[in-house]
Amino acid sequence: MKIEILNPIEHDGKRFERGVVELDEELAKIFVKFKYAAREAISAVEAPAPVAGAKGLPPTPTTAPGKTK
């Protein structure tokens, strides 16, 4: 299970630093119980959001064809 460590955690003699880590589900659930320490990793964080004007999205006034500044 992937979680995001928000603040460093020391557990069982090991230090977990900030960032997204993959842990076994049992340990991840323990960490996530402490809202200030960790949260479940959000898939949107891993994949960049689509950019306006990209394939499949309507053009914005600044990206519309023929638009000049």
Protein backbone atom coordinates (compact mmCIF):
# COMPACT_ATOMS: atom_id res chain seq x y z
CA MET A 1 0.00 0.00 0.00
CA LYS A 2 1.35 3.44 -0.93
CA ILE A 3 1.13 6.20 1.65
CA GLU A 4 2.57 9.69 1.93
CA ILE A 5 4.64 10.36 5.04
CA LEU A 6 3.85 13.95 6.08
CA ASN A 7 6.22 14.12 9.04
CA PRO A 8 9.14 11.78 9.80
CA ILE A 9 8.11 8.66 11.73
CA GLU A 10 10.29 6.37 13.84
CA HIS A 11 8.88 2.89 14.18
CA ASP A 12 10.52 -0.29 15.41
CA GLY A 13 14.02 1.21 15.18
CA LYS A 14 13.56 2.49 11.62
CA ARG A 15 13.05 6.10 10.49
CA PHE A 16 10.60 6.85 7.69
CA GLU A 17 11.23 10.24 6.05
CA ARG A 18 8.72 12.50 4.24
CA GLY A 19 7.48 11.36 0.84
CA VAL A 20 5.53 8.59 -0.83
CA VAL A 21 6.51 5.10 0.29
CA GLU A 22 5.13 1.62 -0.24
CA LEU A 23 4.58 -0.39 2.94
CA ASP A 24 2.82 -3.59 3.83
CA GLU A 25 -0.87 -2.91 4.42
CA GLU A 26 -0.79 -3.57 8.17
CA LEU A 27 1.98 -1.04 8.86
CA ALA A 28 0.51 1.51 6.43
CA LYS A 29 -2.85 1.40 8.23
CA ILE A 30 -1.11 2.07 11.56
CA PHE A 31 0.66 5.13 10.14
CA VAL A 32 -2.48 6.50 8.44
CA LYS A 33 -4.35 6.45 11.77
CA PHE A 34 -2.19 9.42 12.78
CA LYS A 35 -3.46 12.19 10.46
CA TYR A 36 -0.51 14.50 11.21
CA ALA A 37 1.99 11.78 10.29
CA ALA A 38 0.73 10.10 7.11
CA ARG A 39 -2.09 9.81 4.60
CA GLU A 40 -3.01 7.44 1.80
CA ALA A 41 -1.21 8.30 -1.42
CA ILE A 42 -3.49 9.96 -3.95
CA SER A 43 -3.19 8.72 -7.52
CA ALA A 44 -3.49 12.32 -8.78
CA VAL A 45 -0.20 13.09 -7.07
CA GLU A 46 1.53 10.38 -9.08
CA ALA A 47 0.03 11.31 -12.47
CA PRO A 48 0.23 14.90 -13.72
CA ALA A 49 -3.06 16.67 -14.42
CA PRO A 50 -4.04 17.21 -18.07
CA VAL A 51 -2.99 20.52 -19.61
CA ALA A 52 -5.59 22.79 -21.26
CA GLY A 53 -5.39 22.51 -25.01
CA ALA A 54 -4.02 18.97 -24.81
CA LYS A 55 -5.62 16.26 -26.91
CA GLY A 56 -9.24 15.71 -25.87
CA LEU A 57 -9.67 19.03 -24.04
CA PRO A 58 -11.34 22.12 -25.45
CA PRO A 59 -8.95 24.96 -26.33
CA THR A 60 -8.74 27.97 -24.03
CA PRO A 61 -8.60 31.51 -25.47
CA THR A 62 -4.81 31.49 -25.17
CA THR A 63 -4.36 28.11 -26.88
CA ALA A 64 -7.03 28.46 -29.59
CA PRO A 65 -5.71 28.23 -33.15
CA GLY A 66 -5.14 31.63 -34.78
CA LYS A 67 -4.88 33.42 -31.43
CA THR A 68 -2.02 35.94 -31.35
CA LYS A 69 -0.74 38.06 -28.53
